């Protein structure tokens, strides 16, 4: 398999497999950086984090919540309450 014209290097048609040699470090799953989460926690603790809520619905009205979501006009989060 060849990449598009801007690159002439061959690519593998299969995803790479994990290395089985004993010298490579074990593969680790990717994890997002947590700096932004730490900032959000700090803001929440100080009462400065505001999350707009477009609507809250009991679980029995999940269809109405989904309909609101599909409109694309919801300004904020849509909450389902148990």
PDB file of N, CA and C in Angstrom:
ATOM      1  N   UNK A   1       0.852  -1.172   0.000  1.00  0.00           N
ATOM      2  CA  UNK A   1       0.000   0.000   0.000  1.00  0.00           C
ATOM      3  C   UNK A   1       0.898   1.235   0.000  1.00  0.00           C
ATOM      4  N   UNK A   2       0.593   2.207  -0.824  1.00  0.00           N
ATOM      5  CA  UNK A   2       1.370   3.436  -0.933  1.00  0.00           C
ATOM      6  C   UNK A   2       0.502   4.601  -0.470  1.00  0.00           C
ATOM      7  N   UNK A   3       1.132   5.525   0.235  1.00  0.00           N
ATOM      8  CA  UNK A   3       0.420   6.735   0.662  1.00  0.00           C
ATOM      9  C   UNK A   3       0.149   7.624  -0.547  1.00  0.00           C
ATOM     10  N   UNK A   4      -0.678   8.654  -0.396  1.00  0.00           N
ATOM     11  CA  UNK A   4      -0.939   9.571  -1.509  1.00  0.00           C
ATOM     12  C   UNK A   4       0.348  10.171  -2.075  1.00  0.00           C
ATOM     13  N   UNK A   5       0.243  10.845  -3.196  1.00  0.00           N
ATOM     14  CA  UNK A   5       1.392  11.301  -3.981  1.00  0.00           C
ATOM     15  C   UNK A   5       2.415  12.115  -3.209  1.00  0.00           C
ATOM     16  N   UNK A   6       2.035  12.819  -2.162  1.00  0.00           N
ATOM     17  CA  UNK A   6       3.002  13.651  -1.455  1.00  0.00           C
ATOM     18  C   UNK A   6       4.009  12.823  -0.659  1.00  0.00           C
ATOM     19  N   UNK A   7       3.777  11.524  -0.518  1.00  0.00           N
ATOM     20  CA  UNK A   7       4.703  10.678   0.223  1.00  0.00           C
ATOM     21  C   UNK A   7       4.894   9.377  -0.529  1.00  0.00           C
ATOM     22  N   UNK A   8       6.129   8.974  -0.686  1.00  0.00           N
ATOM     23  CA  UNK A   8       6.418   7.741  -1.411  1.00  0.00           C
ATOM     24  C   UNK A   8       6.810   6.590  -0.490  1.00  0.00           C
ATOM     25  N   UNK A   9       6.711   6.785   0.824  1.00  0.00           N
ATOM     26  CA  UNK A   9       7.098   5.697   1.718  1.00  0.00           C
ATOM     27  C   UNK A   9       5.948   4.707   1.860  1.00  0.00           C
ATOM     28  N   UNK A  10       6.257   3.412   1.857  1.00  0.00           N
ATOM     29  CA  UNK A  10       5.195   2.416   1.991  1.00  0.00           C
ATOM     30  C   UNK A  10       4.622   2.417   3.407  1.00  0.00           C
ATOM     31  N   UNK A  11       3.386   2.040   3.498  1.00  0.00           N
ATOM     32  CA  UNK A  11       2.747   1.926   4.806  1.00  0.00           C
ATOM     33  C   UNK A  11       2.245   0.508   4.985  1.00  0.00           C
ATOM     34  N   UNK A  12       2.053   0.121   6.200  1.00  0.00           N
ATOM     35  CA  UNK A  12       1.553  -1.213   6.493  1.00  0.00           C
ATOM     36  C   UNK A  12       0.036  -1.216   6.376  1.00  0.00           C
ATOM     37  N   UNK A  13      -0.543  -2.208   5.697  1.00  0.00           N
ATOM     38  CA  UNK A  13      -2.001  -2.268   5.617  1.00  0.00           C
ATOM     39  C   UNK A  13      -2.636  -2.730   6.923  1.00  0.00           C
ATOM     40  N   UNK A  14      -1.825  -3.245   7.849  1.00  0.00           N
ATOM     41  CA  UNK A  14      -2.334  -3.720   9.131  1.00  0.00           C
ATOM     42  C   UNK A  14      -1.856  -2.811  10.249  1.00  0.00           C
ATOM     43  N   UNK A  15      -2.629  -2.679  11.315  1.00  0.00           N
ATOM     44  CA  UNK A  15      -2.153  -1.881  12.447  1.00  0.00           C
ATOM     45  C   UNK A  15      -0.940  -2.551  13.084  1.00  0.00           C
ATOM     46  N   UNK A  16      -0.023  -1.775  13.662  1.00  0.00           N
ATOM     47  CA  UNK A  16       1.163  -2.375  14.266  1.00  0.00           C
ATOM     48  C   UNK A  16       0.784  -3.217  15.482  1.00  0.00           C
ATOM     49  N   UNK A  17       1.559  -4.254  15.693  1.00  0.00           N
ATOM     50  CA  UNK A  17       1.332  -5.100  16.859  1.00  0.00           C
ATOM     51  C   UNK A  17       2.339  -4.738  17.932  1.00  0.00           C
ATOM     52  N   UNK A  18       2.058  -5.130  19.140  1.00  0.00           N
ATOM     53  CA  UNK A  18       2.960  -4.836  20.253  1.00  0.00           C
ATOM     54  C   UNK A  18       4.262  -5.604  20.072  1.00  0.00           C
ATOM     55  N   UNK A  19       5.338  -4.972  20.446  1.00  0.00           N
ATOM     56  CA  UNK A  19       6.651  -5.597  20.355  1.00  0.00           C
ATOM     57  C   UNK A  19       6.742  -6.696  21.411  1.00  0.00           C
ATOM     58  N   UNK A  20       7.303  -7.835  21.020  1.00  0.00           N
ATOM     59  CA  UNK A  20       7.424  -8.950  21.959  1.00  0.00           C
ATOM     60  C   UNK A  20       8.846  -9.130  22.474  1.00  0.00           C
ATOM     61  N   UNK A  21       9.756  -8.238  22.093  1.00  0.00           N
ATOM     62  CA  UNK A  21      11.120  -8.378  22.601  1.00  0.00           C
ATOM     63  C   UNK A  21      11.160  -7.963  24.069  1.00  0.00           C
ATOM     64  N   UNK A  22      12.217  -8.289  24.750  1.00  0.00           N
ATOM     65  CA  UNK A  22      12.313  -8.007  26.180  1.00  0.00           C
ATOM     66  C   UNK A  22      13.027  -6.695  26.479  1.00  0.00           C
ATOM     67  N   UNK A  23      13.422  -5.946  25.437  1.00  0.00           N
ATOM     68  CA  UNK A  23      14.134  -4.688  25.664  1.00  0.00           C
ATOM     69  C   UNK A  23      13.230  -3.469  25.568  1.00  0.00           C
ATOM     70  N   UNK A  24      12.088  -3.604  24.931  1.00  0.00           N
ATOM     71  CA  UNK A  24      11.170  -2.468  24.779  1.00  0.00           C
ATOM     72  C   UNK A  24      10.335  -2.298  26.044  1.00  0.00           C
ATOM     73  N   UNK A  25      10.063  -1.049  26.420  1.00  0.00           N
ATOM     74  CA  UNK A  25       9.182  -0.847  27.577  1.00  0.00           C
ATOM     75  C   UNK A  25       7.763  -1.279  27.219  1.00  0.00           C
ATOM     76  N   UNK A  26       6.969  -1.672  28.192  1.00  0.00           N
ATOM     77  CA  UNK A  26       5.592  -2.078  27.885  1.00  0.00           C
ATOM     78  C   UNK A  26       4.786  -0.897  27.357  1.00  0.00           C
ATOM     79  N   UNK A  27       3.895  -1.196  26.437  1.00  0.00           N
ATOM     80  CA  UNK A  27       3.042  -0.143  25.870  1.00  0.00           C
ATOM     81  C   UNK A  27       2.072   0.348  26.935  1.00  0.00           C
ATOM     82  N   UNK A  28       1.869   1.642  26.975  1.00  0.00           N
ATOM     83  CA  UNK A  28       0.938   2.238  27.936  1.00  0.00           C
ATOM     84  C   UNK A  28      -0.171   2.938  27.170  1.00  0.00           C
ATOM     85  N   UNK A  29      -1.401   2.849  27.660  1.00  0.00           N
ATOM     86  CA  UNK A  29      -2.475   3.572  26.982  1.00  0.00           C
ATOM     87  C   UNK A  29      -2.279   5.078  27.132  1.00  0.00           C
ATOM     88  N   UNK A  30      -2.723   5.828  26.130  1.00  0.00           N
ATOM     89  CA  UNK A  30      -2.597   7.277  26.164  1.00  0.00           C
ATOM     90  C   UNK A  30      -3.541   7.838  27.208  1.00  0.00           C
ATOM     91  N   UNK A  31      -3.089   8.811  27.944  1.00  0.00           N
ATOM     92  CA  UNK A  31      -3.929   9.498  28.925  1.00  0.00           C
ATOM     93  C   UNK A  31      -3.815  10.998  28.681  1.00  0.00           C
ATOM     94  N   UNK A  32      -4.936  11.721  28.710  1.00  0.00           N
ATOM     95  CA  UNK A  32      -4.874  13.163  28.472  1.00  0.00           C
ATOM     96  C   UNK A  32      -4.159  13.869  29.612  1.00  0.00           C
ATOM     97  N   UNK A  33      -3.576  15.031  29.339  1.00  0.00           N
ATOM     98  CA  UNK A  33      -2.948  15.795  30.418  1.00  0.00           C
ATOM     99  C   UNK A  33      -4.002  16.211  31.444  1.00  0.00           C
ATOM    100  N   UNK A  34      -3.605  16.281  32.690  1.00  0.00           N
ATOM    101  CA  UNK A  34      -4.562  16.571  33.759  1.00  0.00           C
ATOM    102  C   UNK A  34      -4.504  18.014  34.236  1.00  0.00           C
ATOM    103  N   UNK A  35      -3.673  18.843  33.629  1.00  0.00           N
ATOM    104  CA  UNK A  35      -3.536  20.227  34.082  1.00  0.00           C
ATOM    105  C   UNK A  35      -4.871  20.979  34.009  1.00  0.00           C
ATOM    106  N   UNK A  36      -5.592  20.822  32.908  1.00  0.00           N
ATOM    107  CA  UNK A  36      -6.879  21.500  32.765  1.00  0.00           C
ATOM    108  C   UNK A  36      -7.887  21.039  33.796  1.00  0.00           C
ATOM    109  N   UNK A  37      -7.849  19.755  34.132  1.00  0.00           N
ATOM    110  CA  UNK A  37      -8.752  19.235  35.150  1.00  0.00           C
ATOM    111  C   UNK A  37      -8.435  19.834  36.511  1.00  0.00           C
ATOM    112  N   UNK A  38      -7.148  19.993  36.814  1.00  0.00           N
ATOM    113  CA  UNK A  38      -6.754  20.593  38.094  1.00  0.00           C
ATOM    114  C   UNK A  38      -7.262  22.032  38.195  1.00  0.00           C
ATOM    115  N   UNK A  39      -7.211  22.757  37.092  1.00  0.00           N
ATOM    116  CA  UNK A  39      -7.723  24.134  37.083  1.00  0.00           C
ATOM    117  C   UNK A  39      -9.234  24.130  37.306  1.00  0.00           C
ATOM    118  N   UNK A  40      -9.945  23.207  36.649  1.00  0.00           N
ATOM    119  CA  UNK A  40     -11.396  23.128  36.819  1.00  0.00           C
ATOM    120  C   UNK A  40     -11.762  22.792  38.260  1.00  0.00           C
ATOM    121  N   UNK A  41     -11.015  21.887  38.882  1.00  0.00           N
ATOM    122  CA  UNK A  41     -11.282  21.531  40.280  1.00  0.00           C
ATOM    123  C   UNK A  41     -11.068  22.740  41.181  1.00  0.00           C
ATOM    124  N   UNK A  42      -9.992  23.475  40.936  1.00  0.00           N
ATOM    125  CA  UNK A  42      -9.717  24.663  41.750  1.00  0.00           C
ATOM    126  C   UNK A  42     -10.839  25.694  41.612  1.00  0.00           C
ATOM    127  N   UNK A  43     -11.291  25.925  40.389  1.00  0.00           N
ATOM    128  CA  UNK A  43     -12.383  26.877  40.171  1.00  0.00           C
ATOM    129  C   UNK A  43     -13.668  26.405  40.850  1.00  0.00           C
ATOM    130  N   UNK A  44     -13.946  25.109  40.773  1.00  0.00           N
ATOM    131  CA  UNK A  44     -15.151  24.569  41.408  1.00  0.00           C
ATOM    132  C   UNK A  44     -15.087  24.719  42.919  1.00  0.00           C
ATOM    133  N   UNK A  45     -13.914  24.465  43.494  1.00  0.00           N
ATOM    134  CA  UNK A  45     -13.763  24.594  44.946  1.00  0.00           C
ATOM    135  C   UNK A  45     -13.969  26.034  45.412  1.00  0.00           C
ATOM    136  N   UNK A  46     -13.618  26.991  44.564  1.00  0.00           N
ATOM    137  CA  UNK A  46     -13.795  28.403  44.922  1.00  0.00           C
ATOM    138  C   UNK A  46     -15.165  28.934  44.519  1.00  0.00           C
ATOM    139  N   UNK A  47     -16.003  28.069  43.948  1.00  0.00           N
ATOM    140  CA  UNK A  47     -17.333  28.499  43.528  1.00  0.00           C
ATOM    141  C   UNK A  47     -17.314  29.360  42.280  1.00  0.00           C
ATOM    142  N   UNK A  48     -16.259  29.271  41.498  1.00  0.00           N
ATOM    143  CA  UNK A  48     -16.111  30.116  40.309  1.00  0.00           C
ATOM    144  C   UNK A  48     -16.400  29.375  39.008  1.00  0.00           C
ATOM    145  N   UNK A  49     -16.709  28.103  39.086  1.00  0.00           N
ATOM    146  CA  UNK A  49     -16.968  27.311  37.888  1.00  0.00           C
ATOM    147  C   UNK A  49     -18.464  27.315  37.618  1.00  0.00           C
ATOM    148  N   UNK A  50     -18.850  27.809  36.477  1.00  0.00           N
ATOM    149  CA  UNK A  50     -20.259  27.877  36.106  1.00  0.00           C
ATOM    150  C   UNK A  50     -20.481  26.983  34.884  1.00  0.00           C
ATOM    151  N   UNK A  51     -21.396  26.060  35.006  1.00  0.00           N
ATOM    152  CA  UNK A  51     -21.727  25.175  33.895  1.00  0.00           C
ATOM    153  C   UNK A  51     -23.173  25.458  33.512  1.00  0.00           C
ATOM    154  N   UNK A  52     -23.410  26.023  32.328  1.00  0.00           N
ATOM    155  CA  UNK A  52     -24.783  26.318  31.927  1.00  0.00           C
ATOM    156  C   UNK A  52     -25.560  25.024  31.673  1.00  0.00           C
ATOM    157  N   UNK A  53     -26.798  25.001  32.108  1.00  0.00           N
ATOM    158  CA  UNK A  53     -27.665  23.839  31.927  1.00  0.00           C
ATOM    159  C   UNK A  53     -28.804  24.244  31.004  1.00  0.00           C
ATOM    160  N   UNK A  54     -28.892  23.577  29.859  1.00  0.00           N
ATOM    161  CA  UNK A  54     -29.945  23.875  28.891  1.00  0.00           C
ATOM    162  C   UNK A  54     -31.266  23.261  29.316  1.00  0.00           C
ATOM    163  N   UNK A  55     -31.201  22.170  30.044  1.00  0.00           N
ATOM    164  CA  UNK A  55     -32.427  21.525  30.497  1.00  0.00           C
ATOM    165  C   UNK A  55     -32.109  20.317  31.348  1.00  0.00           C
ATOM    166  N   UNK A  56     -33.038  19.974  32.222  1.00  0.00           N
ATOM    167  CA  UNK A  56     -32.897  18.750  33.010  1.00  0.00           C
ATOM    168  C   UNK A  56     -34.196  17.972  32.883  1.00  0.00           C
ATOM    169  N   UNK A  57     -34.063  16.675  32.700  1.00  0.00           N
ATOM    170  CA  UNK A  57     -35.210  15.819  32.432  1.00  0.00           C
ATOM    171  C   UNK A  57     -35.154  14.591  33.326  1.00  0.00           C
ATOM    172  N   UNK A  58     -36.314  14.117  33.813  1.00  0.00           N
ATOM    173  CA  UNK A  58     -36.313  12.832  34.500  1.00  0.00           C
ATOM    174  C   UNK A  58     -35.992  11.733  33.488  1.00  0.00           C
ATOM    175  N   UNK A  59     -35.463  10.636  33.973  1.00  0.00           N
ATOM    176  CA  UNK A  59     -35.055   9.552  33.089  1.00  0.00           C
ATOM    177  C   UNK A  59     -36.202   9.069  32.204  1.00  0.00           C
ATOM    178  N   UNK A  60     -37.418   9.162  32.704  1.00  0.00           N
ATOM    179  CA  UNK A  60     -38.587   8.735  31.923  1.00  0.00           C
ATOM    180  C   UNK A  60     -38.802   9.610  30.688  1.00  0.00           C
ATOM    181  N   UNK A  61     -38.224  10.814  30.669  1.00  0.00           N
ATOM    182  CA  UNK A  61     -38.386  11.728  29.538  1.00  0.00           C
ATOM    183  C   UNK A  61     -37.108  11.829  28.710  1.00  0.00           C
ATOM    184  N   UNK A  62     -36.390  10.724  28.607  1.00  0.00           N
ATOM    185  CA  UNK A  62     -35.136  10.732  27.862  1.00  0.00           C
ATOM    186  C   UNK A  62     -35.359  11.103  26.394  1.00  0.00           C
ATOM    187  N   UNK A  63     -36.509  10.754  25.839  1.00  0.00           N
ATOM    188  CA  UNK A  63     -36.798  11.099  24.442  1.00  0.00           C
ATOM    189  C   UNK A  63     -36.849  12.613  24.256  1.00  0.00           C
ATOM    190  N   UNK A  64     -37.426  13.325  25.207  1.00  0.00           N
ATOM    191  CA  UNK A  64     -37.487  14.786  25.122  1.00  0.00           C
ATOM    192  C   UNK A  64     -36.090  15.389  25.229  1.00  0.00           C
ATOM    193  N   UNK A  65     -35.257  14.823  26.100  1.00  0.00           N
ATOM    194  CA  UNK A  65     -33.880  15.305  26.228  1.00  0.00           C
ATOM    195  C   UNK A  65     -33.119  15.074  24.932  1.00  0.00           C
ATOM    196  N   UNK A  66     -33.332  13.924  24.330  1.00  0.00           N
ATOM    197  CA  UNK A  66     -32.660  13.611  23.066  1.00  0.00           C
ATOM    198  C   UNK A  66     -33.139  14.549  21.968  1.00  0.00           C
ATOM    199  N   UNK A  67     -34.424  14.835  21.943  1.00  0.00           N
ATOM    200  CA  UNK A  67     -34.968  15.754  20.940  1.00  0.00           C
ATOM    201  C   UNK A  67     -34.343  17.137  21.083  1.00  0.00           C
ATOM    202  N   UNK A  68     -34.192  17.609  22.317  1.00  0.00           N
ATOM    203  CA  UNK A  68     -33.543  18.903  22.539  1.00  0.00           C
ATOM    204  C   UNK A  68     -32.102  18.872  22.036  1.00  0.00           C
ATOM    205  N   UNK A  69     -31.413  17.779  22.296  1.00  0.00           N
ATOM    206  CA  UNK A  69     -30.029  17.644  21.849  1.00  0.00           C
ATOM    207  C   UNK A  69     -29.932  17.684  20.326  1.00  0.00           C
ATOM    208  N   UNK A  70     -30.875  17.030  19.660  1.00  0.00           N
ATOM    209  CA  UNK A  70     -30.838  16.957  18.198  1.00  0.00           C
ATOM    210  C   UNK A  70     -31.120  18.289  17.522  1.00  0.00           C
ATOM    211  N   UNK A  71     -31.767  19.221  18.210  1.00  0.00           N
ATOM    212  CA  UNK A  71     -32.056  20.510  17.578  1.00  0.00           C
ATOM    213  C   UNK A  71     -30.784  21.286  17.291  1.00  0.00           C
ATOM    214  N   UNK A  72     -29.743  21.042  18.088  1.00  0.00           N
ATOM    215  CA  UNK A  72     -28.499  21.779  17.914  1.00  0.00           C
ATOM    216  C   UNK A  72     -28.550  23.177  18.502  1.00  0.00           C
ATOM    217  N   UNK A  73     -29.646  23.523  19.169  1.00  0.00           N
ATOM    218  CA  UNK A  73     -29.802  24.863  19.727  1.00  0.00           C
ATOM    219  C   UNK A  73     -29.705  24.902  21.246  1.00  0.00           C
ATOM    220  N   UNK A  74     -29.417  23.772  21.869  1.00  0.00           N
ATOM    221  CA  UNK A  74     -29.305  23.744  23.331  1.00  0.00           C
ATOM    222  C   UNK A  74     -28.077  24.542  23.745  1.00  0.00           C
ATOM    223  N   UNK A  75     -28.252  25.472  24.656  1.00  0.00           N
ATOM    224  CA  UNK A  75     -27.143  26.289  25.172  1.00  0.00           C
ATOM    225  C   UNK A  75     -26.777  25.783  26.547  1.00  0.00           C
ATOM    226  N   UNK A  76     -25.855  24.850  26.620  1.00  0.00           N
ATOM    227  CA  UNK A  76     -25.449  24.272  27.892  1.00  0.00           C
ATOM    228  C   UNK A  76     -25.635  22.769  27.892  1.00  0.00           C
ATOM    229  N   UNK A  77     -25.454  22.193  29.050  1.00  0.00           N
ATOM    230  CA  UNK A  77     -25.547  20.747  29.209  1.00  0.00           C
ATOM    231  C   UNK A  77     -26.998  20.317  29.376  1.00  0.00           C
ATOM    232  N   UNK A  78     -27.267  19.096  28.964  1.00  0.00           N
ATOM    233  CA  UNK A  78     -28.582  18.497  29.141  1.00  0.00           C
ATOM    234  C   UNK A  78     -28.416  17.401  30.184  1.00  0.00           C
ATOM    235  N   UNK A  79     -29.158  17.512  31.281  1.00  0.00           N
ATOM    236  CA  UNK A  79     -29.004  16.576  32.396  1.00  0.00           C
ATOM    237  C   UNK A  79     -30.189  15.625  32.464  1.00  0.00           C
ATOM    238  N   UNK A  80     -29.878  14.339  32.685  1.00  0.00           N
ATOM    239  CA  UNK A  80     -30.902  13.338  32.957  1.00  0.00           C
ATOM    240  C   UNK A  80     -30.863  13.043  34.443  1.00  0.00           C
ATOM    241  N   UNK A  81     -32.018  13.126  35.086  1.00  0.00           N
ATOM    242  CA  UNK A  81     -32.102  12.932  36.536  1.00  0.00           C
ATOM    243  C   UNK A  81     -32.710  11.580  36.849  1.00  0.00           C
ATOM    244  N   UNK A  82     -32.136  10.907  37.806  1.00  0.00           N
ATOM    245  CA  UNK A  82     -32.623   9.583  38.207  1.00  0.00           C
ATOM    246  C   UNK A  82     -33.536   9.700  39.389  1.00  0.00           C
TER     247      UNK A  82
END
